[in-house]
Amino acid sequence: MTNLVYWAATFALGCFVLALACAVLRLLRGPTASDRVLALDTAYINGMLILLVLGLQFHSSLYFDIALLISMFGFVGSVAMAKFLLRGEVIEP
C-alpha cells in the first residue's frame, strides 16, 4: 500500500470513529424514538465503513464478509424498527 493511500485510510478511519462516537451519543441522549432509530442506523453504517477501511489496511477479505453481514442485519433491523414505530407491532397477526 502506498504512503498516500495509507494516510488517507487512516484519516478516513479516524473520521468514521468520530462519526460513530457522535451517533452513539445521539443514541443515548436522543429526545425521541425516531432520533434513536436514526442514530442506530448511522452507527451500524459507520461500523460497516470502519470494517471496510480496516479490510483495506490489513489486506484481509474477512473484514469485507463481516461488513456485508452487518449491512444486511442492519437493514433488516432498520425496517423492523420503522414498522414498529409506524404500526406498534413488527409481525401482524
N, C-alpha and C. Protein backbone atom coordinates (compact mmCIF):
# COMPACT_ATOMS: atom_id res chain seq x y z
N MET A 1 0.85 -1.16 0.00
CA MET A 1 0.00 0.00 0.00
C MET A 1 0.90 1.23 0.00
N THR A 2 0.60 2.17 -0.88
CA THR A 2 1.44 3.36 -0.95
C THR A 2 1.22 4.24 0.27
N ASN A 3 2.13 5.16 0.43
CA ASN A 3 2.10 6.04 1.59
C ASN A 3 0.85 6.92 1.60
N LEU A 4 0.45 7.43 0.44
CA LEU A 4 -0.73 8.29 0.36
C LEU A 4 -2.01 7.52 0.69
N VAL A 5 -2.14 6.31 0.18
CA VAL A 5 -3.32 5.50 0.46
C VAL A 5 -3.37 5.13 1.94
N TYR A 6 -2.22 4.86 2.54
CA TYR A 6 -2.18 4.53 3.96
C TYR A 6 -2.68 5.69 4.80
N TRP A 7 -2.19 6.89 4.53
CA TRP A 7 -2.61 8.05 5.32
C TRP A 7 -4.06 8.42 5.04
N ALA A 8 -4.52 8.25 3.83
CA ALA A 8 -5.93 8.52 3.52
C ALA A 8 -6.84 7.54 4.25
N ALA A 9 -6.45 6.28 4.29
CA ALA A 9 -7.26 5.27 5.00
C ALA A 9 -7.24 5.53 6.50
N THR A 10 -6.10 5.96 7.03
CA THR A 10 -6.02 6.29 8.46
C THR A 10 -6.89 7.50 8.80
N PHE A 11 -6.88 8.52 7.93
CA PHE A 11 -7.72 9.69 8.14
C PHE A 11 -9.20 9.31 8.06
N ALA A 12 -9.56 8.49 7.08
CA ALA A 12 -10.95 8.04 6.94
C ALA A 12 -11.37 7.23 8.16
N LEU A 13 -10.49 6.39 8.66
CA LEU A 13 -10.79 5.59 9.85
C LEU A 13 -11.06 6.49 11.05
N GLY A 14 -10.25 7.51 11.21
CA GLY A 14 -10.46 8.46 12.31
C GLY A 14 -11.78 9.20 12.18
N CYS A 15 -12.13 9.61 10.96
CA CYS A 15 -13.40 10.30 10.73
C CYS A 15 -14.59 9.38 11.02
N PHE A 16 -14.50 8.12 10.61
CA PHE A 16 -15.59 7.19 10.85
C PHE A 16 -15.75 6.87 12.34
N VAL A 17 -14.64 6.79 13.06
CA VAL A 17 -14.71 6.55 14.50
C VAL A 17 -15.34 7.75 15.20
N LEU A 18 -15.00 8.96 14.78
CA LEU A 18 -15.60 10.16 15.34
C LEU A 18 -17.10 10.21 15.05
N ALA A 19 -17.48 9.85 13.83
CA ALA A 19 -18.91 9.82 13.47
C ALA A 19 -19.65 8.75 14.26
N LEU A 20 -19.00 7.62 14.50
CA LEU A 20 -19.62 6.57 15.31
C LEU A 20 -19.82 7.04 16.75
N ALA A 21 -18.86 7.76 17.29
CA ALA A 21 -18.99 8.29 18.65
C ALA A 21 -20.15 9.29 18.73
N CYS A 22 -20.28 10.14 17.72
CA CYS A 22 -21.40 11.10 17.70
C CYS A 22 -22.74 10.37 17.59
N ALA A 23 -22.80 9.32 16.80
CA ALA A 23 -24.05 8.56 16.66
C ALA A 23 -24.41 7.84 17.95
N VAL A 24 -23.42 7.32 18.65
CA VAL A 24 -23.70 6.65 19.93
C VAL A 24 -24.17 7.67 20.96
N LEU A 25 -23.59 8.86 20.94
CA LEU A 25 -24.04 9.91 21.85
C LEU A 25 -25.49 10.29 21.57
N ARG A 26 -25.85 10.39 20.30
CA ARG A 26 -27.24 10.70 19.94
C ARG A 26 -28.15 9.53 20.30
N LEU A 27 -27.64 8.32 20.19
CA LEU A 27 -28.44 7.14 20.55
C LEU A 27 -28.77 7.14 22.04
N LEU A 28 -27.83 7.57 22.85
CA LEU A 28 -28.05 7.58 24.29
C LEU A 28 -28.87 8.78 24.76
N ARG A 29 -28.72 9.93 24.08
CA ARG A 29 -29.36 11.15 24.54
C ARG A 29 -30.51 11.62 23.66
N GLY A 30 -30.87 10.85 22.64
CA GLY A 30 -31.90 11.29 21.70
C GLY A 30 -33.21 11.60 22.38
N PRO A 31 -33.82 12.73 22.03
CA PRO A 31 -35.07 13.08 22.72
C PRO A 31 -36.26 12.22 22.29
N THR A 32 -36.28 11.74 21.06
CA THR A 32 -37.42 10.95 20.60
C THR A 32 -36.94 9.59 20.12
N ALA A 33 -37.90 8.69 19.94
CA ALA A 33 -37.56 7.35 19.47
C ALA A 33 -37.06 7.37 18.04
N SER A 34 -37.60 8.25 17.22
CA SER A 34 -37.13 8.31 15.82
C SER A 34 -35.69 8.81 15.74
N ASP A 35 -35.28 9.71 16.64
CA ASP A 35 -33.88 10.13 16.68
C ASP A 35 -32.97 8.97 17.05
N ARG A 36 -33.43 8.14 17.96
CA ARG A 36 -32.62 6.99 18.36
C ARG A 36 -32.51 5.95 17.25
N VAL A 37 -33.58 5.77 16.49
CA VAL A 37 -33.54 4.83 15.37
C VAL A 37 -32.59 5.33 14.29
N LEU A 38 -32.64 6.62 13.99
CA LEU A 38 -31.71 7.17 13.01
C LEU A 38 -30.26 7.08 13.49
N ALA A 39 -30.04 7.29 14.79
CA ALA A 39 -28.69 7.17 15.33
C ALA A 39 -28.20 5.74 15.26
N LEU A 40 -29.08 4.78 15.51
CA LEU A 40 -28.69 3.38 15.40
C LEU A 40 -28.37 3.01 13.95
N ASP A 41 -29.14 3.53 13.02
CA ASP A 41 -28.89 3.30 11.61
C ASP A 41 -27.53 3.89 11.20
N THR A 42 -27.26 5.09 11.66
CA THR A 42 -25.98 5.73 11.37
C THR A 42 -24.83 4.97 12.02
N ALA A 43 -25.04 4.46 13.22
CA ALA A 43 -23.99 3.74 13.93
C ALA A 43 -23.61 2.45 13.21
N TYR A 44 -24.61 1.71 12.72
CA TYR A 44 -24.24 0.47 12.03
C TYR A 44 -23.58 0.75 10.68
N ILE A 45 -23.98 1.83 10.02
CA ILE A 45 -23.32 2.18 8.76
C ILE A 45 -21.87 2.59 9.01
N ASN A 46 -21.63 3.37 10.06
CA ASN A 46 -20.25 3.76 10.38
C ASN A 46 -19.43 2.56 10.82
N GLY A 47 -20.03 1.63 11.55
CA GLY A 47 -19.31 0.41 11.91
C GLY A 47 -18.93 -0.41 10.69
N MET A 48 -19.85 -0.47 9.73
CA MET A 48 -19.56 -1.20 8.49
C MET A 48 -18.42 -0.51 7.73
N LEU A 49 -18.44 0.81 7.67
CA LEU A 49 -17.38 1.53 6.96
C LEU A 49 -16.03 1.39 7.66
N ILE A 50 -16.04 1.35 8.98
CA ILE A 50 -14.79 1.12 9.72
C ILE A 50 -14.21 -0.25 9.36
N LEU A 51 -15.07 -1.26 9.29
CA LEU A 51 -14.58 -2.59 8.92
C LEU A 51 -14.05 -2.62 7.49
N LEU A 52 -14.68 -1.88 6.58
CA LEU A 52 -14.18 -1.85 5.21
C LEU A 52 -12.82 -1.19 5.12
N VAL A 53 -12.61 -0.11 5.86
CA VAL A 53 -11.30 0.54 5.86
C VAL A 53 -10.25 -0.35 6.49
N LEU A 54 -10.61 -1.04 7.58
CA LEU A 54 -9.67 -1.98 8.19
C LEU A 54 -9.33 -3.13 7.24
N GLY A 55 -10.31 -3.57 6.46
CA GLY A 55 -10.04 -4.61 5.47
C GLY A 55 -9.06 -4.14 4.41
N LEU A 56 -9.17 -2.88 4.03
CA LEU A 56 -8.21 -2.33 3.07
C LEU A 56 -6.81 -2.22 3.68
N GLN A 57 -6.74 -1.80 4.94
CA GLN A 57 -5.43 -1.62 5.56
C GLN A 57 -4.73 -2.95 5.85
N PHE A 58 -5.48 -3.94 6.28
CA PHE A 58 -4.87 -5.22 6.65
C PHE A 58 -4.86 -6.24 5.52
N HIS A 59 -5.40 -5.90 4.37
CA HIS A 59 -5.44 -6.79 3.20
C HIS A 59 -6.11 -8.13 3.53
N SER A 60 -7.25 -8.07 4.19
CA SER A 60 -7.96 -9.28 4.59
C SER A 60 -9.40 -9.22 4.08
N SER A 61 -9.84 -10.29 3.46
CA SER A 61 -11.21 -10.32 2.94
C SER A 61 -12.23 -10.67 4.02
N LEU A 62 -11.78 -11.12 5.18
CA LEU A 62 -12.69 -11.44 6.27
C LEU A 62 -13.46 -10.20 6.74
N TYR A 63 -12.81 -9.06 6.73
CA TYR A 63 -13.47 -7.82 7.13
C TYR A 63 -14.61 -7.47 6.18
N PHE A 64 -14.44 -7.75 4.90
CA PHE A 64 -15.48 -7.45 3.93
C PHE A 64 -16.70 -8.34 4.13
N ASP A 65 -16.46 -9.61 4.48
CA ASP A 65 -17.57 -10.52 4.75
C ASP A 65 -18.35 -10.09 5.99
N ILE A 66 -17.63 -9.68 7.02
CA ILE A 66 -18.29 -9.22 8.25
C ILE A 66 -19.06 -7.93 7.98
N ALA A 67 -18.50 -7.04 7.18
CA ALA A 67 -19.20 -5.79 6.83
C ALA A 67 -20.48 -6.08 6.04
N LEU A 68 -20.45 -7.07 5.18
CA LEU A 68 -21.65 -7.46 4.44
C LEU A 68 -22.73 -7.98 5.38
N LEU A 69 -22.34 -8.80 6.35
CA LEU A 69 -23.31 -9.30 7.33
C LEU A 69 -23.89 -8.17 8.18
N ILE A 70 -23.05 -7.24 8.59
CA ILE A 70 -23.54 -6.11 9.38
C ILE A 70 -24.51 -5.28 8.58
N SER A 71 -24.23 -5.06 7.30
CA SER A 71 -25.14 -4.25 6.49
C SER A 71 -26.47 -4.95 6.27
N MET A 72 -26.46 -6.27 6.08
CA MET A 72 -27.73 -6.99 5.91
C MET A 72 -28.56 -6.98 7.18
N PHE A 73 -27.94 -7.29 8.32
CA PHE A 73 -28.68 -7.29 9.58
C PHE A 73 -29.13 -5.89 9.96
N GLY A 74 -28.32 -4.89 9.66
CA GLY A 74 -28.70 -3.52 9.96
C GLY A 74 -29.88 -3.06 9.14
N PHE A 75 -29.92 -3.45 7.88
CA PHE A 75 -31.06 -3.09 7.03
C PHE A 75 -32.34 -3.73 7.54
N VAL A 76 -32.28 -5.00 7.87
CA VAL A 76 -33.46 -5.70 8.38
C VAL A 76 -33.91 -5.09 9.71
N GLY A 77 -32.96 -4.74 10.55
CA GLY A 77 -33.29 -4.11 11.82
C GLY A 77 -33.91 -2.74 11.64
N SER A 78 -33.42 -1.97 10.68
CA SER A 78 -33.99 -0.64 10.42
C SER A 78 -35.42 -0.75 9.89
N VAL A 79 -35.66 -1.70 9.03
CA VAL A 79 -37.01 -1.89 8.51
C VAL A 79 -37.95 -2.33 9.63
N ALA A 80 -37.50 -3.22 10.49
CA ALA A 80 -38.34 -3.68 11.61
C ALA A 80 -38.63 -2.55 12.58
N MET A 81 -37.63 -1.72 12.87
CA MET A 81 -37.86 -0.60 13.78
C MET A 81 -38.80 0.43 13.17
N ALA A 82 -38.67 0.70 11.88
CA ALA A 82 -39.57 1.64 11.22
C ALA A 82 -41.01 1.13 11.24
N LYS A 83 -41.18 -0.16 10.99
CA LYS A 83 -42.51 -0.74 11.02
C LYS A 83 -43.09 -0.71 12.43
N PHE A 84 -42.25 -0.94 13.42
CA PHE A 84 -42.72 -0.90 14.80
C PHE A 84 -43.13 0.52 15.19
N LEU A 85 -42.36 1.51 14.76
CA LEU A 85 -42.71 2.89 15.10
C LEU A 85 -43.99 3.34 14.38
N LEU A 86 -44.22 2.84 13.19
CA LEU A 86 -45.42 3.24 12.45
C LEU A 86 -46.68 2.53 12.94
N ARG A 87 -46.58 1.22 13.18
CA ARG A 87 -47.78 0.43 13.48
C ARG A 87 -47.85 -0.10 14.90
N GLY A 88 -46.76 -0.07 15.64
CA GLY A 88 -46.79 -0.56 17.01
C GLY A 88 -46.51 -2.04 17.14
N GLU A 89 -46.35 -2.75 16.04
CA GLU A 89 -46.00 -4.17 16.08
C GLU A 89 -45.21 -4.51 14.82
N VAL A 90 -44.35 -5.50 14.96
CA VAL A 90 -43.50 -5.88 13.82
C VAL A 90 -44.17 -6.96 13.00
N ILE A 91 -44.72 -7.97 13.66
CA ILE A 91 -45.37 -9.07 12.97
C ILE A 91 -46.87 -8.92 13.15
N GLU A 92 -47.55 -8.77 12.06
CA GLU A 92 -49.01 -8.60 12.13
C GLU A 92 -49.69 -9.96 12.20
N PRO A 93 -50.75 -10.08 13.01
CA PRO A 93 -51.44 -11.37 13.13
C PRO A 93 -52.27 -11.68 11.89
